[in-house]
N, C-alpha and C. Protein backbone atom coordinates (compact mmCIF):
# COMPACT_ATOMS: atom_id res chain seq x y z
N MET A 1 1.10 -1.10 -0.09
CA MET A 1 -0.04 0.35 -0.14
C MET A 1 0.92 1.14 -0.25
N ARG A 2 0.10 2.37 -0.29
CA ARG A 2 1.47 3.41 -0.59
C ARG A 2 0.64 5.11 -0.24
N LYS A 3 -0.78 4.60 0.21
CA LYS A 3 -1.31 5.93 0.37
C LYS A 3 -2.98 5.77 0.57
N LEU A 4 -3.01 6.41 1.62
CA LEU A 4 -4.92 6.54 2.20
C LEU A 4 -5.91 7.62 0.87
N GLU A 5 -6.72 6.57 0.56
CA GLU A 5 -7.04 7.12 -0.83
C GLU A 5 -7.88 8.33 -0.36
N PHE A 6 -8.94 7.62 0.51
CA PHE A 6 -10.68 8.88 1.35
C PHE A 6 -10.81 8.55 3.08
N ALA A 7 -10.87 8.84 3.39
CA ALA A 7 -11.60 9.05 5.02
C ALA A 7 -13.02 9.01 4.74
N SER A 8 -13.65 8.63 6.54
CA SER A 8 -15.09 8.96 6.19
C SER A 8 -14.87 9.01 8.03
N LEU A 9 -16.11 10.02 8.17
CA LEU A 9 -15.70 9.91 9.71
C LEU A 9 -17.75 10.30 9.92
N GLN A 10 -18.44 8.93 10.45
CA GLN A 10 -19.55 8.43 11.15
C GLN A 10 -19.63 9.13 12.33
N VAL A 11 -20.70 10.80 11.99
CA VAL A 11 -21.16 11.75 13.53
C VAL A 11 -22.00 11.17 12.81
N ARG A 12 -22.58 11.90 14.37
CA ARG A 12 -24.19 11.55 14.89
C ARG A 12 -25.44 13.19 14.25
N ASP A 13 -25.16 13.90 13.90
CA ASP A 13 -25.08 14.60 13.44
C ASP A 13 -25.26 15.05 12.35
N LEU A 14 -25.36 14.95 11.03
CA LEU A 14 -24.72 15.72 9.93
C LEU A 14 -25.15 17.16 9.90
N GLU A 15 -25.96 17.53 9.96
CA GLU A 15 -26.31 18.89 9.93
C GLU A 15 -25.42 19.44 11.05
N THR A 16 -24.76 19.41 12.41
CA THR A 16 -24.17 20.34 12.95
C THR A 16 -22.91 19.57 12.59
N SER A 17 -22.51 18.72 12.22
CA SER A 17 -21.09 18.50 11.69
C SER A 17 -20.77 19.16 10.33
N LYS A 18 -21.48 19.33 9.52
CA LYS A 18 -21.40 19.88 8.28
C LYS A 18 -21.47 21.37 8.87
N GLU A 19 -21.67 22.16 9.26
CA GLU A 19 -21.32 23.78 9.72
C GLU A 19 -20.39 23.81 11.18
N PHE A 20 -20.21 22.93 11.93
CA PHE A 20 -18.61 22.52 12.50
C PHE A 20 -17.17 23.01 11.42
N TYR A 21 -17.40 22.06 9.81
CA TYR A 21 -16.24 21.59 9.64
C TYR A 21 -16.56 22.80 8.24
N THR A 22 -17.42 23.21 8.08
CA THR A 22 -17.86 24.18 6.71
C THR A 22 -17.34 25.74 7.71
N THR A 23 -17.98 26.34 8.13
CA THR A 23 -18.26 27.79 9.19
C THR A 23 -17.15 27.65 10.37
N LYS A 24 -16.69 26.69 10.64
CA LYS A 24 -15.59 27.14 11.97
C LYS A 24 -14.09 26.56 11.78
N LEU A 25 -14.15 25.40 10.84
CA LEU A 25 -12.65 24.75 10.29
C LEU A 25 -12.66 25.53 8.84
N GLY A 26 -13.37 25.42 7.86
CA GLY A 26 -13.06 26.49 6.84
C GLY A 26 -13.23 25.46 5.25
N PHE A 27 -13.58 24.26 5.84
CA PHE A 27 -13.49 22.80 4.78
C PHE A 27 -15.23 23.93 3.94
N GLU A 28 -14.11 23.10 2.19
CA GLU A 28 -15.52 23.58 1.41
C GLU A 28 -16.20 22.00 0.99
N GLU A 29 -16.90 22.25 0.80
CA GLU A 29 -17.85 20.98 0.32
C GLU A 29 -17.41 20.84 -1.07
N ALA A 30 -17.47 19.60 -1.36
CA ALA A 30 -16.89 19.05 -2.67
C ALA A 30 -18.51 18.74 -3.97
N GLY A 31 -19.44 19.26 -3.17
CA GLY A 31 -20.28 19.32 -4.34
C GLY A 31 -21.32 18.22 -4.96
N ILE A 32 -20.92 16.95 -4.08
CA ILE A 32 -21.05 15.12 -4.71
C ILE A 32 -22.97 15.60 -3.85
N SER A 33 -23.47 15.01 -4.63
CA SER A 33 -24.67 14.86 -4.34
C SER A 33 -24.88 13.78 -3.32
N ASN A 34 -24.91 13.34 -1.60
CA ASN A 34 -25.51 12.71 -1.41
C ASN A 34 -26.18 12.52 -0.52
N PRO A 35 -27.71 12.13 0.29
CA PRO A 35 -27.82 12.35 1.34
C PRO A 35 -27.85 11.89 2.75
N GLY A 36 -26.89 11.35 2.73
CA GLY A 36 -26.64 10.78 4.15
C GLY A 36 -24.80 10.95 4.25
N ALA A 37 -24.00 12.14 3.17
CA ALA A 37 -22.99 12.03 4.04
C ALA A 37 -22.25 13.56 2.81
N CYS A 38 -21.54 14.07 3.52
CA CYS A 38 -20.98 15.02 2.83
C CYS A 38 -19.24 15.17 2.61
N VAL A 39 -18.94 15.08 1.24
CA VAL A 39 -17.98 15.03 0.98
C VAL A 39 -17.22 16.57 0.70
N PHE A 40 -15.99 16.61 1.08
CA PHE A 40 -15.19 17.49 1.51
C PHE A 40 -13.70 17.94 0.72
N LYS A 41 -13.54 18.60 0.04
CA LYS A 41 -12.62 19.04 -0.65
C LYS A 41 -11.91 20.35 0.18
N TYR A 42 -10.81 20.22 0.23
CA TYR A 42 -9.53 21.38 0.90
C TYR A 42 -8.24 21.18 -0.02
N ASN A 43 -8.42 22.29 -0.25
CA ASN A 43 -6.72 23.48 -0.34
C ASN A 43 -7.04 22.90 -2.13
N LYS A 44 -7.95 23.35 -2.70
CA LYS A 44 -8.01 22.70 -4.19
C LYS A 44 -8.21 21.36 -4.91
N GLY A 45 -8.55 20.44 -3.23
CA GLY A 45 -8.53 18.83 -3.36
C GLY A 45 -7.76 18.43 -3.19
N GLU A 46 -6.66 18.51 -2.51
CA GLU A 46 -5.07 17.97 -2.07
C GLU A 46 -5.90 16.70 -1.03
N ALA A 47 -6.58 16.84 -0.38
CA ALA A 47 -6.87 16.16 0.70
C ALA A 47 -9.01 15.70 0.84
N SER A 48 -9.33 14.77 0.27
CA SER A 48 -10.55 14.40 0.70
C SER A 48 -11.34 14.11 1.55
N PHE A 49 -12.28 13.98 2.37
CA PHE A 49 -12.55 13.18 3.37
C PHE A 49 -14.02 14.02 3.55
N ALA A 50 -15.12 12.88 4.19
CA ALA A 50 -16.57 12.95 4.14
C ALA A 50 -16.60 12.41 5.81
N ILE A 51 -17.55 13.35 6.68
CA ILE A 51 -18.61 13.09 6.93
C ILE A 51 -19.72 12.34 7.11
N ARG A 52 -20.79 11.23 7.06
CA ARG A 52 -21.43 10.63 6.93
C ARG A 52 -22.75 10.23 7.62
N THR A 53 -23.67 9.85 7.77
CA THR A 53 -24.67 9.02 8.83
C THR A 53 -24.33 7.60 9.07
N PRO A 54 -24.61 7.06 10.30
CA PRO A 54 -23.81 6.12 11.01
C PRO A 54 -24.16 4.70 9.79
N ILE A 55 -23.32 4.01 9.94
CA ILE A 55 -23.59 3.35 9.24
C ILE A 55 -24.01 1.80 10.01
N GLY A 56 -23.89 1.93 11.32
CA GLY A 56 -24.26 1.21 12.27
C GLY A 56 -25.01 1.74 13.10
N ASN A 57 -25.44 1.21 14.03
CA ASN A 57 -26.08 2.22 15.23
C ASN A 57 -25.03 2.57 16.55
N LEU A 58 -25.07 3.41 16.34
CA LEU A 58 -23.92 4.26 17.19
C LEU A 58 -24.22 4.89 18.62
N GLU A 59 -25.36 4.65 19.55
CA GLU A 59 -25.76 4.97 20.32
C GLU A 59 -25.59 4.23 21.42
N GLY A 60 -25.11 5.07 22.74
CA GLY A 60 -23.84 4.67 23.82
C GLY A 60 -23.11 4.55 23.04
N LYS A 61 -22.70 4.54 22.46
CA LYS A 61 -21.26 4.49 21.99
C LYS A 61 -20.29 6.44 21.73
N GLU A 62 -18.62 5.79 22.11
CA GLU A 62 -17.87 6.68 21.96
C GLU A 62 -17.48 7.15 20.58
N LEU A 63 -17.72 8.06 20.36
CA LEU A 63 -16.76 8.23 18.87
C LEU A 63 -15.76 9.44 18.74
N GLY A 64 -14.19 9.23 17.72
CA GLY A 64 -13.40 10.27 17.77
C GLY A 64 -12.34 9.39 18.98
N THR A 65 -12.75 8.52 19.86
CA THR A 65 -11.37 8.08 20.18
C THR A 65 -10.25 6.93 19.65
N GLY A 66 -9.38 8.04 19.66
CA GLY A 66 -7.94 7.45 19.13
C GLY A 66 -8.37 7.31 18.14
N ALA A 67 -8.39 8.45 17.02
CA ALA A 67 -8.94 8.52 15.11
C ALA A 67 -8.49 10.70 15.03
N SER A 68 -7.56 11.02 14.89
CA SER A 68 -6.78 12.00 13.94
C SER A 68 -6.77 11.98 12.65
N LEU A 69 -7.36 12.88 12.55
CA LEU A 69 -6.79 12.80 10.31
C LEU A 69 -5.21 14.00 10.45
N TRP A 70 -4.84 13.93 9.91
CA TRP A 70 -3.61 15.41 10.01
C TRP A 70 -4.56 16.36 8.51
N PHE A 71 -4.26 17.11 8.98
CA PHE A 71 -4.17 18.52 7.18
C PHE A 71 -2.92 19.27 7.25
N ALA A 72 -2.15 18.93 6.16
CA ALA A 72 -1.08 20.07 5.69
C ALA A 72 -1.24 21.42 5.86
N ILE A 73 -0.70 22.56 6.34
CA ILE A 73 -1.23 23.82 6.07
C ILE A 73 -0.14 24.71 5.69
N ASP A 74 -0.73 25.67 5.08
CA ASP A 74 0.32 26.45 4.45
C ASP A 74 0.57 28.19 4.69
N GLU A 75 -0.52 28.72 5.63
CA GLU A 75 -0.70 29.34 6.52
C GLU A 75 0.26 29.31 8.05
N GLU A 76 1.04 30.19 8.55
CA GLU A 76 1.34 30.13 9.89
C GLU A 76 0.14 29.49 10.71
N ILE A 77 0.89 28.65 12.12
CA ILE A 77 0.35 27.67 12.20
C ILE A 77 -0.37 28.94 13.49
N GLU A 78 0.59 29.49 14.37
CA GLU A 78 -0.58 30.91 15.30
C GLU A 78 -1.42 31.23 14.43
N GLU A 79 -1.23 31.67 12.95
CA GLU A 79 -2.89 32.35 12.49
C GLU A 79 -4.35 31.63 12.50
N LEU A 80 -3.95 30.34 12.32
CA LEU A 80 -4.71 29.41 12.09
C LEU A 80 -5.20 29.12 13.46
N GLN A 81 -4.97 29.39 15.38
CA GLN A 81 -4.85 28.96 16.20
C GLN A 81 -5.98 30.54 16.86
N ALA A 82 -5.51 31.41 16.34
CA ALA A 82 -6.43 32.64 16.53
C ALA A 82 -7.42 32.94 16.24
N ARG A 83 -7.30 32.23 14.15
CA ARG A 83 -8.61 32.33 13.88
C ARG A 83 -9.78 31.14 14.27
N LEU A 84 -9.21 30.21 14.17
CA LEU A 84 -9.91 29.01 15.12
C LEU A 84 -10.77 29.19 17.12
N SER A 85 -9.56 29.74 17.46
CA SER A 85 -10.47 30.22 18.86
C SER A 85 -11.44 31.08 18.81
N ALA A 86 -11.62 32.59 18.05
CA ALA A 86 -11.86 33.75 17.90
C ALA A 86 -12.63 32.73 17.36
N LYS A 87 -13.59 31.31 16.79
CA LYS A 87 -14.66 30.69 16.37
C LYS A 87 -15.09 30.01 17.57
N ASN A 88 -14.17 30.14 18.72
CA ASN A 88 -14.97 29.21 19.51
C ASN A 88 -14.75 27.25 19.14
N VAL A 89 -13.47 27.47 18.53
CA VAL A 89 -13.69 26.30 18.30
C VAL A 89 -12.36 25.64 19.70
N THR A 90 -13.44 23.99 19.82
CA THR A 90 -12.68 23.42 21.30
C THR A 90 -10.97 22.92 20.55
N LEU A 91 -9.69 23.70 21.48
CA LEU A 91 -8.52 23.00 20.95
C LEU A 91 -7.70 22.50 22.17
N LEU A 92 -6.97 21.09 21.37
CA LEU A 92 -6.75 20.47 23.01
C LEU A 92 -4.74 21.00 22.94
N GLY A 93 -4.87 22.53 23.60
CA GLY A 93 -3.90 22.28 23.86
C GLY A 93 -3.19 23.39 22.93
N PRO A 94 -1.90 24.23 23.61
CA PRO A 94 -1.18 24.59 22.53
C PRO A 94 -0.56 23.76 21.12
N VAL A 95 0.29 25.29 20.18
CA VAL A 95 0.92 25.13 19.18
C VAL A 95 2.30 23.51 19.81
N GLN A 96 2.40 22.75 19.55
CA GLN A 96 3.17 22.23 19.80
C GLN A 96 3.74 21.52 18.71
N ALA A 97 5.57 21.47 18.84
CA ALA A 97 6.52 21.59 17.90
C ALA A 97 6.39 19.93 18.22
N THR A 98 6.58 19.28 17.23
CA THR A 98 6.92 18.09 16.34
C THR A 98 7.75 17.00 15.68
N PRO A 99 8.68 16.05 15.31
CA PRO A 99 9.22 15.85 14.32
C PRO A 99 9.42 16.63 13.23
N PHE A 100 7.91 16.87 13.04
CA PHE A 100 7.28 16.51 11.74
C PHE A 100 7.06 18.49 11.80
N GLY A 101 7.09 18.81 12.19
CA GLY A 101 6.78 20.44 12.16
C GLY A 101 5.81 20.90 13.66
N LYS A 102 4.93 21.81 13.81
CA LYS A 102 4.18 22.23 14.32
C LYS A 102 2.73 21.65 14.40
N ILE A 103 2.04 21.65 15.33
CA ILE A 103 0.87 20.90 15.19
C ILE A 103 -0.26 22.01 16.33
N LEU A 104 -1.48 21.92 15.92
CA LEU A 104 -2.94 22.80 16.52
C LEU A 104 -3.72 21.23 17.03
N VAL A 105 -3.86 20.73 17.65
CA VAL A 105 -5.41 20.00 16.93
C VAL A 105 -6.07 20.63 18.21
N ALA A 106 -7.62 20.15 17.00
CA ALA A 106 -8.73 20.63 17.12
C ALA A 106 -9.74 19.40 17.01
N LYS A 107 -11.02 19.86 18.45
CA LYS A 107 -11.91 18.66 18.91
C LYS A 107 -13.16 18.93 17.58
N ASP A 108 -13.73 18.10 16.75
CA ASP A 108 -14.88 18.03 16.15
C ASP A 108 -16.18 17.36 17.31
N PRO A 109 -17.71 18.22 16.95
CA PRO A 109 -18.25 17.87 17.64
C PRO A 109 -18.63 16.55 18.18
N ASP A 110 -18.30 15.74 17.22
CA ASP A 110 -18.30 14.12 17.74
C ASP A 110 -17.34 13.47 18.01
N GLY A 111 -16.19 14.18 18.75
CA GLY A 111 -14.93 13.83 19.53
C GLY A 111 -14.12 13.56 18.51
N TYR A 112 -14.31 13.62 17.40
CA TYR A 112 -12.44 13.31 16.38
C TYR A 112 -11.64 14.63 15.98
N ASN A 113 -10.52 14.24 16.44
CA ASN A 113 -9.33 14.87 16.53
C ASN A 113 -9.04 15.48 14.91
N ILE A 114 -9.07 17.20 14.79
CA ILE A 114 -8.71 17.06 13.32
C ILE A 114 -7.13 17.99 13.50
N THR A 115 -6.30 17.82 13.49
CA THR A 115 -4.90 17.84 13.73
C THR A 115 -4.45 18.80 12.37
N PHE A 116 -4.08 19.47 12.26
CA PHE A 116 -3.03 20.49 11.54
C PHE A 116 -1.59 20.71 11.88
N LEU A 117 -1.69 20.53 10.50
CA LEU A 117 0.79 20.11 10.48
C LEU A 117 0.98 21.72 9.57
N LYS A 118 1.67 22.54 10.29
CA LYS A 118 2.82 23.27 9.24
C LYS A 118 4.41 22.31 8.96
N SER A 119 4.31 22.15 7.64
CA SER A 119 5.76 20.94 8.22
C SER A 119 6.54 21.88 8.27
N ASN A 120 7.75 21.70 8.89
CA ASN A 120 9.28 22.20 8.86
C ASN A 120 10.32 22.22 7.30
């Protein structure tokens, strides 16, 4: 295997999650019609993923634990941190230095970690 082709997150409330990803995080919808899902494009289609209504019964189950999607960014990570903070996005700590570069982790409404990476 050489690359992840696509990722899909199951969410409890599609409209709430769609609003979070578009309004607060700045993702764009890809324009693919699917009543049970919302496919996003990011940075001119370089990274694509979807949120979708549950495939199975999620009642009583914890979502998001242990899962994180990573997105490379071009802007300075401190600028992104300020913008997300102004939109009341839950951030899981400050900007962190890693061997790959600086990261900032946001938490979505279902507990998924969305990690933004400014490469070294």
